[in-house]
Amino acid sequence: MVLKGIALIFAKNVVRYRRKKGVSQYDLAQISGISRAMISHYEREGMLPPADRLQALADSLDVPVYKLFKQPGMETNTETDLSGIDPRSVKKFRDILSLPAEDRNDLYRILNKMLRKNLLEKQRLEALNDRRKGV
């Protein structure tokens, strides 16, 4: 389910940035070196592209990769600087994107459970600290 949500956000953003740039699917295919059929498939949320195509799409649309995954309306005043990501993390991200869709989905599901558990623990500790302070 998470992967489907990510694919939907990605699809909408590809369409949004392509239209903002004023190019057709055919034009984007010519610029990026990705077939028009695949561009159409990505825009219909059929699948997420592998890392090399993802970078080619972002470059062709003149946006950083992360903006293709950013949920519209969730804009913040501060941009996330991804330049400090260590190469090992980038390699792991590429490895994850190369997994079959079902395996990626399993991995995202596990990751979401871990993140949710961490968030709940953090909230529990904050509530405990607030009670101790008498807030």
C-alpha atoms as a PDB file:
ATOM      1  CA  MET A   1       0.000   0.000   0.000  1.00  0.00           C
ATOM      2  CA  VAL A   2       2.837   2.402   0.834  1.00  0.00           C
ATOM      3  CA  LEU A   3       4.520   1.720  -2.499  1.00  0.00           C
ATOM      4  CA  LYS A   4       1.253   2.450  -4.292  1.00  0.00           C
ATOM      5  CA  GLY A   5       1.017   5.786  -2.474  1.00  0.00           C
ATOM      6  CA  ILE A   6       4.593   6.655  -3.403  1.00  0.00           C
ATOM      7  CA  ALA A   7       3.943   5.685  -7.022  1.00  0.00           C
ATOM      8  CA  LEU A   8       0.823   7.885  -7.084  1.00  0.00           C
ATOM      9  CA  ILE A   9       2.720  10.908  -5.724  1.00  0.00           C
ATOM     10  CA  PHE A  10       5.544  10.248  -8.191  1.00  0.00           C
ATOM     11  CA  ALA A  11       3.103   9.931 -11.112  1.00  0.00           C
ATOM     12  CA  LYS A  12       1.334  13.199 -10.278  1.00  0.00           C
ATOM     13  CA  ASN A  13       4.639  15.016  -9.891  1.00  0.00           C
ATOM     14  CA  VAL A  14       6.003  13.782 -13.217  1.00  0.00           C
ATOM     15  CA  VAL A  15       2.843  15.049 -14.931  1.00  0.00           C
ATOM     16  CA  ARG A  16       2.962  18.337 -12.985  1.00  0.00           C
ATOM     17  CA  TYR A  17       6.616  19.087 -13.722  1.00  0.00           C
ATOM     18  CA  ARG A  18       6.294  17.961 -17.353  1.00  0.00           C
ATOM     19  CA  ARG A  19       3.361  20.304 -17.908  1.00  0.00           C
ATOM     20  CA  LYS A  20       5.110  23.101 -16.003  1.00  0.00           C
ATOM     21  CA  LYS A  21       8.051  22.704 -18.374  1.00  0.00           C
ATOM     22  CA  GLY A  22       5.593  22.769 -21.283  1.00  0.00           C
ATOM     23  CA  VAL A  23       6.611  19.479 -22.895  1.00  0.00           C
ATOM     24  CA  SER A  24       4.630  16.503 -24.116  1.00  0.00           C
ATOM     25  CA  GLN A  25       5.330  12.888 -23.173  1.00  0.00           C
ATOM     26  CA  TYR A  26       6.989  12.533 -26.561  1.00  0.00           C
ATOM     27  CA  ASP A  27       9.221  15.565 -25.908  1.00  0.00           C
ATOM     28  CA  LEU A  28      10.157  14.270 -22.459  1.00  0.00           C
ATOM     29  CA  ALA A  29      10.998  10.902 -23.982  1.00  0.00           C
ATOM     30  CA  GLN A  30      13.310  12.590 -26.477  1.00  0.00           C
ATOM     31  CA  ILE A  31      15.007  14.681 -23.769  1.00  0.00           C
ATOM     32  CA  SER A  32      15.386  11.877 -21.224  1.00  0.00           C
ATOM     33  CA  GLY A  33      16.147   8.938 -23.496  1.00  0.00           C
ATOM     34  CA  ILE A  34      13.249   6.994 -21.946  1.00  0.00           C
ATOM     35  CA  SER A  35      10.562   5.685 -24.263  1.00  0.00           C
ATOM     36  CA  ARG A  36       7.269   7.558 -24.472  1.00  0.00           C
ATOM     37  CA  ALA A  37       5.469   4.352 -23.480  1.00  0.00           C
ATOM     38  CA  MET A  38       7.495   4.145 -20.255  1.00  0.00           C
ATOM     39  CA  ILE A  39       6.869   7.828 -19.494  1.00  0.00           C
ATOM     40  CA  SER A  40       3.162   7.182 -19.969  1.00  0.00           C
ATOM     41  CA  HIS A  41       3.425   4.122 -17.715  1.00  0.00           C
ATOM     42  CA  TYR A  42       5.155   6.128 -14.964  1.00  0.00           C
ATOM     43  CA  GLU A  43       2.529   8.865 -15.209  1.00  0.00           C
ATOM     44  CA  ARG A  44      -0.251   6.332 -14.829  1.00  0.00           C
ATOM     45  CA  GLU A  45       1.484   5.135 -11.613  1.00  0.00           C
ATOM     46  CA  GLY A  46       2.213   1.749 -13.148  1.00  0.00           C
ATOM     47  CA  MET A  47       5.612   1.495 -11.561  1.00  0.00           C
ATOM     48  CA  LEU A  48       8.560   3.420 -10.197  1.00  0.00           C
ATOM     49  CA  PRO A  49      11.590   3.707 -12.474  1.00  0.00           C
ATOM     50  CA  PRO A  50      15.023   2.318 -11.650  1.00  0.00           C
ATOM     51  CA  ALA A  51      17.540   4.823 -10.224  1.00  0.00           C
ATOM     52  CA  ASP A  52      19.199   5.678 -13.541  1.00  0.00           C
ATOM     53  CA  ARG A  53      15.872   6.484 -15.211  1.00  0.00           C
ATOM     54  CA  LEU A  54      14.729   8.350 -12.138  1.00  0.00           C
ATOM     55  CA  GLN A  55      17.771  10.611 -12.395  1.00  0.00           C
ATOM     56  CA  ALA A  56      17.262  11.021 -16.153  1.00  0.00           C
ATOM     57  CA  LEU A  57      13.638  12.082 -15.587  1.00  0.00           C
ATOM     58  CA  ALA A  58      14.581  14.543 -12.857  1.00  0.00           C
ATOM     59  CA  ASP A  59      17.371  16.033 -14.976  1.00  0.00           C
ATOM     60  CA  SER A  60      15.064  16.304 -17.988  1.00  0.00           C
ATOM     61  CA  LEU A  61      12.404  18.052 -15.893  1.00  0.00           C
ATOM     62  CA  ASP A  62      15.008  20.335 -14.266  1.00  0.00           C
ATOM     63  CA  VAL A  63      14.083  19.267 -10.723  1.00  0.00           C
ATOM     64  CA  PRO A  64      15.972  17.407  -8.000  1.00  0.00           C
ATOM     65  CA  VAL A  65      14.952  13.749  -7.649  1.00  0.00           C
ATOM     66  CA  TYR A  66      13.399  14.262  -4.218  1.00  0.00           C
ATOM     67  CA  LYS A  67      10.848  16.707  -5.670  1.00  0.00           C
ATOM     68  CA  LEU A  68       9.394  13.878  -7.759  1.00  0.00           C
ATOM     69  CA  PHE A  69       8.451  12.174  -4.479  1.00  0.00           C
ATOM     70  CA  LYS A  70       7.363  15.264  -2.553  1.00  0.00           C
ATOM     71  CA  GLN A  71       3.678  15.365  -1.785  1.00  0.00           C
ATOM     72  CA  PRO A  72       2.027  18.464  -3.286  1.00  0.00           C
ATOM     73  CA  GLY A  73       0.912  20.901  -0.613  1.00  0.00           C
ATOM     74  CA  MET A  74       3.612  19.717   1.767  1.00  0.00           C
ATOM     75  CA  GLU A  75       6.009  22.490   0.769  1.00  0.00           C
ATOM     76  CA  THR A  76       8.177  23.855   3.534  1.00  0.00           C
ATOM     77  CA  ASN A  77      10.236  26.982   3.839  1.00  0.00           C
ATOM     78  CA  THR A  78      13.437  24.997   4.109  1.00  0.00           C
ATOM     79  CA  GLU A  79      14.563  22.669   1.362  1.00  0.00           C
ATOM     80  CA  THR A  80      16.073  19.359   2.375  1.00  0.00           C
ATOM     81  CA  ASP A  81      19.731  19.259   1.432  1.00  0.00           C
ATOM     82  CA  LEU A  82      20.493  15.765   0.154  1.00  0.00           C
ATOM     83  CA  SER A  83      24.092  16.554  -0.744  1.00  0.00           C
ATOM     84  CA  GLY A  84      25.296  15.307   2.637  1.00  0.00           C
ATOM     85  CA  ILE A  85      23.990  11.777   2.142  1.00  0.00           C
ATOM     86  CA  ASP A  86      26.823   9.338   2.397  1.00  0.00           C
ATOM     87  CA  PRO A  87      27.591   7.201  -0.680  1.00  0.00           C
ATOM     88  CA  ARG A  88      26.708   4.011   1.194  1.00  0.00           C
ATOM     89  CA  SER A  89      23.125   5.225   1.667  1.00  0.00           C
ATOM     90  CA  VAL A  90      22.861   6.176  -2.011  1.00  0.00           C
ATOM     91  CA  LYS A  91      24.065   2.688  -2.979  1.00  0.00           C
ATOM     92  CA  LYS A  92      21.467   1.111  -0.665  1.00  0.00           C
ATOM     93  CA  PHE A  93      18.769   3.287  -2.223  1.00  0.00           C
ATOM     94  CA  ARG A  94      19.813   2.106  -5.682  1.00  0.00           C
ATOM     95  CA  ASP A  95      19.861  -1.495  -4.451  1.00  0.00           C
ATOM     96  CA  ILE A  96      16.346  -1.087  -3.076  1.00  0.00           C
ATOM     97  CA  LEU A  97      15.092   0.360  -6.361  1.00  0.00           C
ATOM     98  CA  SER A  98      16.564  -2.615  -8.225  1.00  0.00           C
ATOM     99  CA  LEU A  99      14.557  -5.112  -6.153  1.00  0.00           C
ATOM    100  CA  PRO A 100      11.425  -6.683  -7.606  1.00  0.00           C
ATOM    101  CA  ALA A 101       8.311  -4.659  -6.762  1.00  0.00           C
ATOM    102  CA  GLU A 102       7.037  -7.234  -4.268  1.00  0.00           C
ATOM    103  CA  ASP A 103      10.328  -7.235  -2.342  1.00  0.00           C
ATOM    104  CA  ARG A 104      10.432  -3.420  -2.333  1.00  0.00           C
ATOM    105  CA  ASN A 105       6.885  -3.395  -1.010  1.00  0.00           C
ATOM    106  CA  ASP A 106       7.875  -5.775   1.808  1.00  0.00           C
ATOM    107  CA  LEU A 107      10.888  -3.637   2.644  1.00  0.00           C
ATOM    108  CA  TYR A 108       8.818  -0.432   2.726  1.00  0.00           C
ATOM    109  CA  ARG A 109       6.242  -2.151   4.935  1.00  0.00           C
ATOM    110  CA  ILE A 110       8.980  -3.182   7.412  1.00  0.00           C
ATOM    111  CA  LEU A 111      10.516   0.286   7.318  1.00  0.00           C
ATOM    112  CA  ASN A 112       7.136   1.915   7.988  1.00  0.00           C
ATOM    113  CA  LYS A 113       6.585  -0.357  11.007  1.00  0.00           C
ATOM    114  CA  MET A 114       9.996   0.586  12.393  1.00  0.00           C
ATOM    115  CA  LEU A 115       9.399   4.291  11.823  1.00  0.00           C
ATOM    116  CA  ARG A 116       5.923   4.118  13.377  1.00  0.00           C
ATOM    117  CA  LYS A 117       7.333   2.239  16.401  1.00  0.00           C
ATOM    118  CA  ASN A 118      10.087   4.849  16.773  1.00  0.00           C
ATOM    119  CA  LEU A 119       7.584   7.720  16.528  1.00  0.00           C
ATOM    120  CA  LEU A 120       5.261   6.135  19.104  1.00  0.00           C
ATOM    121  CA  GLU A 121       8.177   5.586  21.484  1.00  0.00           C
ATOM    122  CA  LYS A 122       9.278   9.194  21.030  1.00  0.00           C
ATOM    123  CA  GLN A 123       5.735  10.432  21.707  1.00  0.00           C
ATOM    124  CA  ARG A 124       5.494   8.188  24.771  1.00  0.00           C
ATOM    125  CA  LEU A 125       8.752   9.578  26.167  1.00  0.00           C
ATOM    126  CA  GLU A 126       7.677  13.170  25.496  1.00  0.00           C
ATOM    127  CA  ALA A 127       4.363  12.578  27.271  1.00  0.00           C
ATOM    128  CA  LEU A 128       6.208  11.014  30.207  1.00  0.00           C
ATOM    129  CA  ASN A 129       8.568  14.008  30.397  1.00  0.00           C
ATOM    130  CA  ASP A 130       5.611  16.407  30.198  1.00  0.00           C
ATOM    131  CA  ARG A 131       3.902  14.597  33.113  1.00  0.00           C
ATOM    132  CA  ARG A 132       7.105  14.793  35.163  1.00  0.00           C
ATOM    133  CA  LYS A 133       7.339  18.533  34.492  1.00  0.00           C
ATOM    134  CA  GLY A 134       3.654  18.968  35.378  1.00  0.00           C
ATOM    135  CA  VAL A 135       2.683  20.266  31.937  1.00  0.00           C
END
